[in-house]
Amino acid sequence: MKFPALALFAVPFALVCAPGALVLGAPVPKHLMKGEEPDLQKLQGDWKLTEMEINGKNVPPDTRIEIVLEFRGNKLTVVDKHQNQRRIAVIRLDTTANPTRLAWPEARVTTLKGVPVRDEEAEMPCVMIYKFKADTLVLATSGGSRAPRGFDNKDEPGGIQLMTFTRVPK
């Protein structure tokens, strides 16, 4: 099954996060954030997109774009070579949510050479759910500030985008 090229450009990672108010609640006091640290440590390093599913349909490797996630502390950089863009955001994890959530209130977008780019969609707030599965990181989004309820398409009116990343060896 071939996927329309436009759909693949509209869906990848940060671009799926549509406009909307970020719903994270009040900041969590530092003494209650102990549960966040192990997951933040597991995220550190680079992750390459290896599988992608849109609304329950697998995106074949030959039509999938190349995305690399770079986690450094609480900073996430999304490198999208196809669109010649780099999105940089400060992330927050909510390990008390079920499933766990990864969010950012805003992102800064540049070209791969560091020239600022105005991309309103990519700069918008985003909330996703995540899980670690063996040596992979699985992210799911239903767009914008509303996180999916789970990693399948059940009960999601617009469906979800599911992305599996594999750690890039150092």
N, C-alpha and C. Protein backbone atom coordinates (compact mmCIF):
# COMPACT_ATOMS: atom_id res chain seq x y z
N MET A 1 0.84 -1.17 0.00
CA MET A 1 0.00 0.00 0.00
C MET A 1 0.88 1.24 0.00
N LYS A 2 0.68 2.13 -0.91
CA LYS A 2 1.42 3.38 -0.97
C LYS A 2 0.70 4.44 -0.15
N PHE A 3 1.43 5.22 0.59
CA PHE A 3 0.87 6.31 1.36
C PHE A 3 1.13 7.61 0.62
N PRO A 4 0.15 8.50 0.57
CA PRO A 4 0.37 9.77 -0.10
C PRO A 4 1.52 10.52 0.56
N ALA A 5 2.37 11.10 -0.26
CA ALA A 5 3.54 11.81 0.24
C ALA A 5 3.14 12.91 1.21
N LEU A 6 2.06 13.61 0.92
CA LEU A 6 1.63 14.70 1.78
C LEU A 6 1.29 14.19 3.17
N ALA A 7 0.66 13.02 3.27
CA ALA A 7 0.30 12.47 4.57
C ALA A 7 1.54 12.17 5.39
N LEU A 8 2.59 11.69 4.76
CA LEU A 8 3.81 11.38 5.49
C LEU A 8 4.49 12.63 6.02
N PHE A 9 4.35 13.74 5.32
CA PHE A 9 4.97 14.97 5.78
C PHE A 9 4.14 15.61 6.89
N ALA A 10 2.85 15.37 6.90
CA ALA A 10 1.99 15.97 7.91
C ALA A 10 2.06 15.21 9.23
N VAL A 11 2.45 13.96 9.20
CA VAL A 11 2.38 13.10 10.36
C VAL A 11 3.65 13.07 11.21
N PRO A 12 4.84 13.13 10.64
CA PRO A 12 6.04 12.86 11.43
C PRO A 12 6.16 13.69 12.69
N PHE A 13 6.43 12.99 13.71
CA PHE A 13 6.78 13.47 15.03
C PHE A 13 6.24 14.83 15.41
N ALA A 14 7.06 15.85 15.44
CA ALA A 14 6.63 17.14 15.97
C ALA A 14 5.54 17.78 15.12
N LEU A 15 5.44 17.43 13.86
CA LEU A 15 4.44 18.04 13.01
C LEU A 15 3.04 17.55 13.33
N VAL A 16 2.90 16.40 13.99
CA VAL A 16 1.57 15.90 14.31
C VAL A 16 0.95 16.68 15.45
N CYS A 17 1.74 17.43 16.14
CA CYS A 17 1.24 18.19 17.28
C CYS A 17 0.58 19.46 16.78
N ALA A 18 -0.73 19.45 16.80
CA ALA A 18 -1.52 20.55 16.27
C ALA A 18 -1.73 21.61 17.35
N PRO A 19 -2.23 22.77 16.95
CA PRO A 19 -2.46 23.84 17.92
C PRO A 19 -3.39 23.39 19.04
N GLY A 20 -3.17 23.94 20.20
CA GLY A 20 -4.02 23.64 21.34
C GLY A 20 -3.32 24.00 22.63
N ALA A 21 -4.08 24.10 23.68
CA ALA A 21 -3.51 24.45 24.97
C ALA A 21 -2.88 23.22 25.58
N LEU A 22 -1.70 23.37 26.12
CA LEU A 22 -0.99 22.28 26.75
C LEU A 22 -1.61 21.98 28.11
N VAL A 23 -1.96 20.72 28.34
CA VAL A 23 -2.61 20.35 29.58
C VAL A 23 -1.63 19.49 30.38
N LEU A 24 -0.90 20.13 31.27
CA LEU A 24 0.06 19.40 32.09
C LEU A 24 -0.23 19.57 33.58
N GLY A 25 -1.01 20.55 33.95
CA GLY A 25 -1.27 20.83 35.34
C GLY A 25 -0.16 21.67 35.93
N ALA A 26 -0.22 21.85 37.23
CA ALA A 26 0.77 22.67 37.92
C ALA A 26 2.12 21.96 37.94
N PRO A 27 3.20 22.74 38.06
CA PRO A 27 4.53 22.11 38.17
C PRO A 27 4.59 21.17 39.36
N VAL A 28 5.30 20.07 39.20
CA VAL A 28 5.43 19.09 40.27
C VAL A 28 6.59 19.52 41.17
N PRO A 29 6.39 19.55 42.49
CA PRO A 29 7.48 19.91 43.39
C PRO A 29 8.65 18.94 43.23
N LYS A 30 9.87 19.46 43.37
CA LYS A 30 11.08 18.66 43.14
C LYS A 30 11.12 17.40 44.00
N HIS A 31 10.65 17.47 45.24
CA HIS A 31 10.71 16.29 46.12
C HIS A 31 9.77 15.18 45.67
N LEU A 32 8.82 15.49 44.78
CA LEU A 32 7.90 14.47 44.26
C LEU A 32 8.32 13.97 42.87
N MET A 33 9.41 14.48 42.32
CA MET A 33 9.81 14.15 40.95
C MET A 33 10.81 13.00 40.88
N LYS A 34 11.02 12.28 41.96
CA LYS A 34 12.00 11.20 41.97
C LYS A 34 11.73 10.14 40.91
N GLY A 35 10.47 9.87 40.61
CA GLY A 35 10.11 8.85 39.63
C GLY A 35 10.47 9.23 38.21
N GLU A 36 10.69 10.53 37.95
CA GLU A 36 11.02 10.98 36.60
C GLU A 36 12.46 10.64 36.22
N GLU A 37 13.35 10.67 37.16
CA GLU A 37 14.77 10.55 36.87
C GLU A 37 15.16 9.27 36.12
N PRO A 38 14.67 8.08 36.54
CA PRO A 38 15.07 6.87 35.79
C PRO A 38 14.66 6.91 34.32
N ASP A 39 13.46 7.37 34.02
CA ASP A 39 13.03 7.44 32.63
C ASP A 39 13.83 8.48 31.86
N LEU A 40 14.11 9.61 32.48
CA LEU A 40 14.91 10.64 31.82
C LEU A 40 16.31 10.09 31.50
N GLN A 41 16.86 9.31 32.41
CA GLN A 41 18.17 8.70 32.17
C GLN A 41 18.11 7.68 31.02
N LYS A 42 17.03 6.89 30.95
CA LYS A 42 16.88 5.91 29.87
C LYS A 42 16.77 6.57 28.51
N LEU A 43 16.21 7.78 28.46
CA LEU A 43 16.03 8.48 27.18
C LEU A 43 17.33 9.03 26.61
N GLN A 44 18.32 9.26 27.46
CA GLN A 44 19.54 9.94 27.02
C GLN A 44 20.20 9.23 25.85
N GLY A 45 20.65 10.05 24.88
CA GLY A 45 21.32 9.52 23.70
C GLY A 45 20.50 9.78 22.45
N ASP A 46 20.86 9.09 21.37
CA ASP A 46 20.21 9.28 20.08
C ASP A 46 19.36 8.06 19.73
N TRP A 47 18.21 8.33 19.11
CA TRP A 47 17.25 7.29 18.73
C TRP A 47 16.85 7.51 17.29
N LYS A 48 16.85 6.45 16.49
CA LYS A 48 16.48 6.53 15.08
C LYS A 48 15.12 5.87 14.85
N LEU A 49 14.27 6.54 14.05
CA LEU A 49 12.96 5.98 13.71
C LEU A 49 13.15 4.70 12.90
N THR A 50 12.58 3.59 13.38
CA THR A 50 12.72 2.31 12.69
C THR A 50 11.38 1.72 12.25
N GLU A 51 10.28 2.16 12.88
CA GLU A 51 8.96 1.70 12.49
C GLU A 51 7.97 2.84 12.68
N MET A 52 6.96 2.86 11.81
CA MET A 52 5.94 3.89 11.92
C MET A 52 4.60 3.32 11.51
N GLU A 53 3.58 3.68 12.27
CA GLU A 53 2.23 3.21 11.99
C GLU A 53 1.30 4.42 12.07
N ILE A 54 0.45 4.57 11.08
CA ILE A 54 -0.51 5.67 11.07
C ILE A 54 -1.91 5.08 11.04
N ASN A 55 -2.67 5.37 12.10
CA ASN A 55 -4.05 4.86 12.21
C ASN A 55 -4.13 3.36 11.96
N GLY A 56 -3.19 2.63 12.55
CA GLY A 56 -3.21 1.18 12.47
C GLY A 56 -2.57 0.59 11.22
N LYS A 57 -2.09 1.42 10.31
CA LYS A 57 -1.47 0.91 9.07
C LYS A 57 0.02 1.18 9.08
N ASN A 58 0.79 0.14 8.84
CA ASN A 58 2.24 0.24 8.81
C ASN A 58 2.71 1.11 7.65
N VAL A 59 3.66 1.98 7.91
CA VAL A 59 4.28 2.79 6.86
C VAL A 59 5.52 2.04 6.40
N PRO A 60 5.56 1.61 5.14
CA PRO A 60 6.70 0.84 4.65
C PRO A 60 8.01 1.64 4.73
N PRO A 61 9.13 0.97 4.96
CA PRO A 61 10.42 1.65 5.08
C PRO A 61 10.77 2.56 3.89
N ASP A 62 10.38 2.16 2.69
CA ASP A 62 10.76 2.96 1.51
C ASP A 62 9.96 4.27 1.40
N THR A 63 8.89 4.41 2.17
CA THR A 63 8.11 5.66 2.13
C THR A 63 8.19 6.43 3.45
N ARG A 64 8.92 5.89 4.41
CA ARG A 64 9.04 6.52 5.72
C ARG A 64 10.18 7.54 5.68
N ILE A 65 9.99 8.66 6.39
CA ILE A 65 11.06 9.66 6.41
C ILE A 65 12.06 9.33 7.52
N GLU A 66 13.21 9.95 7.46
CA GLU A 66 14.28 9.68 8.41
C GLU A 66 14.26 10.72 9.53
N ILE A 67 14.02 10.25 10.74
CA ILE A 67 13.99 11.13 11.91
C ILE A 67 14.92 10.55 12.98
N VAL A 68 15.69 11.43 13.61
CA VAL A 68 16.54 11.04 14.73
C VAL A 68 16.20 11.93 15.91
N LEU A 69 16.02 11.32 17.07
CA LEU A 69 15.78 12.05 18.32
C LEU A 69 17.08 12.10 19.09
N GLU A 70 17.43 13.28 19.60
CA GLU A 70 18.64 13.44 20.41
C GLU A 70 18.21 13.97 21.78
N PHE A 71 18.37 13.14 22.81
CA PHE A 71 18.03 13.56 24.18
C PHE A 71 19.31 13.90 24.91
N ARG A 72 19.39 15.14 25.44
CA ARG A 72 20.51 15.61 26.24
C ARG A 72 19.92 16.31 27.46
N GLY A 73 19.97 15.63 28.60
CA GLY A 73 19.30 16.17 29.78
C GLY A 73 17.81 16.22 29.50
N ASN A 74 17.18 17.38 29.78
CA ASN A 74 15.76 17.51 29.49
C ASN A 74 15.52 18.23 28.15
N LYS A 75 16.54 18.28 27.31
CA LYS A 75 16.41 18.90 25.99
C LYS A 75 16.28 17.81 24.92
N LEU A 76 15.29 17.97 24.06
CA LEU A 76 15.06 17.06 22.95
C LEU A 76 15.30 17.81 21.65
N THR A 77 16.11 17.21 20.78
CA THR A 77 16.30 17.74 19.43
C THR A 77 15.80 16.69 18.46
N VAL A 78 14.89 17.10 17.58
CA VAL A 78 14.34 16.22 16.55
C VAL A 78 15.00 16.62 15.24
N VAL A 79 15.78 15.71 14.65
CA VAL A 79 16.46 15.98 13.40
C VAL A 79 15.70 15.30 12.27
N ASP A 80 15.21 16.12 11.34
CA ASP A 80 14.43 15.64 10.19
C ASP A 80 15.20 16.04 8.93
N LYS A 81 16.01 15.11 8.43
CA LYS A 81 16.85 15.42 7.26
C LYS A 81 16.03 15.70 6.02
N HIS A 82 14.92 15.01 5.86
CA HIS A 82 14.10 15.19 4.66
C HIS A 82 13.57 16.62 4.55
N GLN A 83 13.14 17.18 5.68
CA GLN A 83 12.62 18.55 5.67
C GLN A 83 13.69 19.58 6.00
N ASN A 84 14.94 19.12 6.19
CA ASN A 84 16.06 20.01 6.50
C ASN A 84 15.74 20.86 7.73
N GLN A 85 15.17 20.19 8.76
CA GLN A 85 14.80 20.92 9.97
C GLN A 85 15.29 20.23 11.23
N ARG A 86 15.50 21.07 12.22
CA ARG A 86 15.85 20.61 13.56
C ARG A 86 14.89 21.32 14.52
N ARG A 87 14.18 20.53 15.33
CA ARG A 87 13.27 21.09 16.33
C ARG A 87 13.89 20.86 17.70
N ILE A 88 13.94 21.91 18.50
CA ILE A 88 14.56 21.82 19.81
C ILE A 88 13.52 22.21 20.85
N ALA A 89 13.34 21.35 21.87
CA ALA A 89 12.34 21.61 22.90
C ALA A 89 12.85 21.13 24.25
N VAL A 90 12.39 21.78 25.28
CA VAL A 90 12.64 21.32 26.64
C VAL A 90 11.45 20.46 27.02
N ILE A 91 11.74 19.20 27.37
CA ILE A 91 10.66 18.24 27.64
C ILE A 91 10.36 18.13 29.13
N ARG A 92 9.15 17.67 29.39
CA ARG A 92 8.73 17.30 30.74
C ARG A 92 8.16 15.90 30.66
N LEU A 93 8.51 15.09 31.63
CA LEU A 93 7.96 13.74 31.70
C LEU A 93 6.93 13.68 32.83
N ASP A 94 5.87 12.94 32.60
CA ASP A 94 4.90 12.67 33.65
C ASP A 94 4.85 11.16 33.83
N THR A 95 5.65 10.68 34.79
CA THR A 95 5.73 9.24 35.03
C THR A 95 4.61 8.75 35.94
N THR A 96 3.79 9.68 36.46
CA THR A 96 2.67 9.27 37.29
C THR A 96 1.44 8.98 36.44
N ALA A 97 1.43 9.46 35.19
CA ALA A 97 0.31 9.20 34.29
C ALA A 97 0.40 7.75 33.79
N ASN A 98 -0.75 7.20 33.43
CA ASN A 98 -0.77 5.85 32.88
C ASN A 98 -1.56 5.89 31.57
N PRO A 99 -0.86 5.77 30.42
CA PRO A 99 0.57 5.56 30.24
C PRO A 99 1.37 6.85 30.48
N THR A 100 2.68 6.67 30.65
CA THR A 100 3.56 7.80 30.93
C THR A 100 3.57 8.78 29.76
N ARG A 101 3.81 10.05 30.07
CA ARG A 101 3.73 11.11 29.05
C ARG A 101 5.02 11.89 28.92
N LEU A 102 5.26 12.34 27.70
CA LEU A 102 6.37 13.22 27.37
C LEU A 102 5.73 14.45 26.71
N ALA A 103 6.10 15.65 27.17
CA ALA A 103 5.46 16.85 26.64
C ALA A 103 6.46 17.99 26.55
N TRP A 104 6.14 18.95 25.68
CA TRP A 104 6.87 20.21 25.65
C TRP A 104 5.89 21.34 25.35
N PRO A 105 6.09 22.51 26.00
CA PRO A 105 5.17 23.63 25.78
C PRO A 105 5.43 24.37 24.47
N GLU A 106 6.65 24.31 23.96
CA GLU A 106 6.98 24.98 22.70
C GLU A 106 8.28 24.40 22.16
N ALA A 107 8.50 24.64 20.87
CA ALA A 107 9.73 24.17 20.24
C ALA A 107 10.31 25.30 19.39
N ARG A 108 11.63 25.28 19.25
CA ARG A 108 12.32 26.22 18.37
C ARG A 108 12.75 25.43 17.15
N VAL A 109 12.55 26.01 15.95
CA VAL A 109 12.83 25.30 14.71
C VAL A 109 13.93 26.04 13.94
N THR A 110 14.92 25.26 13.46
CA THR A 110 15.99 25.79 12.62
C THR A 110 16.21 24.85 11.45
N THR A 111 16.99 25.31 10.47
CA THR A 111 17.46 24.40 9.43
C THR A 111 18.53 23.52 10.07
N LEU A 112 19.00 22.52 9.36
CA LEU A 112 20.06 21.66 9.89
C LEU A 112 21.36 22.44 10.09
N LYS A 113 21.49 23.59 9.43
CA LYS A 113 22.68 24.45 9.59
C LYS A 113 22.50 25.49 10.69
N GLY A 114 21.34 25.48 11.36
CA GLY A 114 21.12 26.38 12.48
C GLY A 114 20.44 27.69 12.17
N VAL A 115 19.98 27.88 10.94
CA VAL A 115 19.28 29.11 10.57
C VAL A 115 17.84 29.02 11.07
N PRO A 116 17.37 30.02 11.87
CA PRO A 116 15.99 29.97 12.38
C PRO A 116 14.96 29.88 11.26
N VAL A 117 13.92 29.07 11.50
CA VAL A 117 12.84 28.86 10.55
C VAL A 117 11.53 29.12 11.29
N ARG A 118 10.61 29.78 10.64
CA ARG A 118 9.28 29.98 11.23
C ARG A 118 8.39 28.85 10.76
N ASP A 119 8.00 27.95 11.67
CA ASP A 119 7.14 26.82 11.35
C ASP A 119 6.14 26.70 12.50
N GLU A 120 5.00 27.36 12.35
CA GLU A 120 4.04 27.44 13.44
C GLU A 120 3.57 26.07 13.93
N GLU A 121 3.36 25.13 13.02
CA GLU A 121 2.92 23.78 13.43
C GLU A 121 3.97 23.10 14.29
N ALA A 122 5.23 23.14 13.87
CA ALA A 122 6.30 22.46 14.59
C ALA A 122 6.62 23.14 15.91
N GLU A 123 6.27 24.41 16.07
CA GLU A 123 6.56 25.16 17.28
C GLU A 123 5.49 24.97 18.36
N MET A 124 4.39 24.34 18.02
CA MET A 124 3.25 24.22 18.93
C MET A 124 3.52 23.23 20.07
N PRO A 125 2.76 23.35 21.17
CA PRO A 125 2.88 22.39 22.27
C PRO A 125 2.55 20.98 21.80
N CYS A 126 3.12 20.00 22.49
CA CYS A 126 2.89 18.61 22.11
C CYS A 126 2.88 17.73 23.36
N VAL A 127 1.96 16.78 23.39
CA VAL A 127 1.90 15.78 24.46
C VAL A 127 1.80 14.41 23.79
N MET A 128 2.70 13.52 24.19
CA MET A 128 2.70 12.14 23.67
C MET A 128 2.78 11.18 24.83
N ILE A 129 2.46 9.92 24.55
CA ILE A 129 2.71 8.88 25.53
C ILE A 129 3.94 8.11 25.06
N TYR A 130 4.62 7.47 26.01
CA TYR A 130 5.82 6.73 25.65
C TYR A 130 5.94 5.47 26.50
N LYS A 131 6.72 4.54 25.97
CA LYS A 131 7.08 3.35 26.73
C LYS A 131 8.38 2.80 26.17
N PHE A 132 9.09 2.10 27.01
CA PHE A 132 10.29 1.41 26.58
C PHE A 132 9.91 -0.05 26.37
N LYS A 133 10.33 -0.60 25.25
CA LYS A 133 10.01 -1.99 24.92
C LYS A 133 11.30 -2.63 24.42
N ALA A 134 11.89 -3.49 25.25
CA ALA A 134 13.19 -4.09 24.95
C ALA A 134 14.19 -2.95 24.73
N ASP A 135 14.83 -2.90 23.57
CA ASP A 135 15.81 -1.85 23.26
C ASP A 135 15.23 -0.74 22.42
N THR A 136 13.92 -0.52 22.52
CA THR A 136 13.28 0.50 21.69
C THR A 136 12.51 1.49 22.56
N LEU A 137 12.23 2.63 21.96
CA LEU A 137 11.39 3.67 22.55
C LEU A 137 10.17 3.79 21.65
N VAL A 138 8.99 3.65 22.23
CA VAL A 138 7.75 3.74 21.46
C VAL A 138 7.04 5.03 21.87
N LEU A 139 6.73 5.87 20.89
CA LEU A 139 6.00 7.12 21.12
C LEU A 139 4.68 7.05 20.37
N ALA A 140 3.62 7.59 20.98
CA ALA A 140 2.32 7.65 20.31
C ALA A 140 1.73 9.03 20.53
N THR A 141 1.09 9.54 19.49
CA THR A 141 0.43 10.83 19.58
C THR A 141 -0.88 10.80 18.82
N SER A 142 -1.82 11.59 19.31
CA SER A 142 -3.07 11.77 18.59
C SER A 142 -3.18 13.21 18.13
N GLY A 143 -2.11 13.96 18.32
CA GLY A 143 -2.04 15.34 17.85
C GLY A 143 -2.21 16.35 18.96
N GLY A 144 -1.32 17.30 19.00
CA GLY A 144 -1.44 18.44 19.88
C GLY A 144 -1.34 18.15 21.36
N SER A 145 -2.18 18.82 22.12
CA SER A 145 -2.09 18.79 23.57
C SER A 145 -2.89 17.65 24.19
N ARG A 146 -3.48 16.80 23.37
CA ARG A 146 -4.27 15.68 23.89
C ARG A 146 -3.50 14.39 23.65
N ALA A 147 -3.11 13.74 24.73
CA ALA A 147 -2.37 12.49 24.60
C ALA A 147 -3.33 11.34 24.35
N PRO A 148 -2.89 10.33 23.57
CA PRO A 148 -3.74 9.15 23.39
C PRO A 148 -3.94 8.43 24.72
N ARG A 149 -5.00 7.65 24.81
CA ARG A 149 -5.28 6.88 26.03
C ARG A 149 -4.42 5.62 26.11
N GLY A 150 -3.95 5.16 24.95
CA GLY A 150 -3.15 3.94 24.91
C GLY A 150 -2.41 3.84 23.59
N PHE A 151 -1.71 2.73 23.41
CA PHE A 151 -0.87 2.56 22.22
C PHE A 151 -1.58 1.86 21.06
N ASP A 152 -2.88 1.64 21.22
CA ASP A 152 -3.65 1.09 20.10
C ASP A 152 -4.65 2.15 19.64
N ASN A 153 -5.42 1.85 18.64
CA ASN A 153 -6.34 2.85 18.09
C ASN A 153 -7.72 2.82 18.73
N LYS A 154 -7.92 2.04 19.74
CA LYS A 154 -9.23 1.95 20.36
C LYS A 154 -9.59 3.25 21.05
N ASP A 155 -10.82 3.67 20.87
CA ASP A 155 -11.36 4.86 21.52
C ASP A 155 -10.67 6.17 21.14
N GLU A 156 -9.93 6.20 20.05
CA GLU A 156 -9.31 7.44 19.59
C GLU A 156 -10.01 7.89 18.32
N PRO A 157 -10.79 8.95 18.38
CA PRO A 157 -11.57 9.39 17.21
C PRO A 157 -10.73 9.61 15.95
N GLY A 158 -9.58 10.24 16.07
CA GLY A 158 -8.75 10.51 14.90
C GLY A 158 -7.65 9.48 14.71
N GLY A 159 -7.62 8.46 15.57
CA GLY A 159 -6.55 7.47 15.50
C GLY A 159 -5.27 8.02 16.10
N ILE A 160 -4.22 7.22 16.03
CA ILE A 160 -2.93 7.66 16.58
C ILE A 160 -1.82 7.40 15.58
N GLN A 161 -0.73 8.08 15.81
CA GLN A 161 0.51 7.84 15.07
C GLN A 161 1.46 7.18 16.07
N LEU A 162 1.94 6.01 15.71
CA LEU A 162 2.81 5.22 16.56
C LEU A 162 4.18 5.17 15.93
N MET A 163 5.21 5.55 16.68
CA MET A 163 6.57 5.57 16.15
C MET A 163 7.49 4.79 17.08
N THR A 164 8.27 3.88 16.50
CA THR A 164 9.21 3.08 17.26
C THR A 164 10.62 3.52 16.88
N PHE A 165 11.41 3.82 17.90
CA PHE A 165 12.79 4.29 17.71
C PHE A 165 13.75 3.28 18.33
N THR A 166 14.88 3.10 17.69
CA THR A 166 15.94 2.22 18.20
C THR A 166 17.14 3.08 18.54
N ARG A 167 17.77 2.78 19.66
CA ARG A 167 18.92 3.56 20.10
C ARG A 167 20.06 3.45 19.08
N VAL A 168 20.67 4.60 18.79
CA VAL A 168 21.81 4.65 17.88
C VAL A 168 23.06 4.34 18.71
N PRO A 169 23.86 3.33 18.30
CA PRO A 169 25.06 3.02 19.07
C PRO A 169 26.03 4.20 19.09
N LYS A 170 26.72 4.34 20.21
CA LYS A 170 27.70 5.45 20.35
C LYS A 170 28.92 5.22 19.54
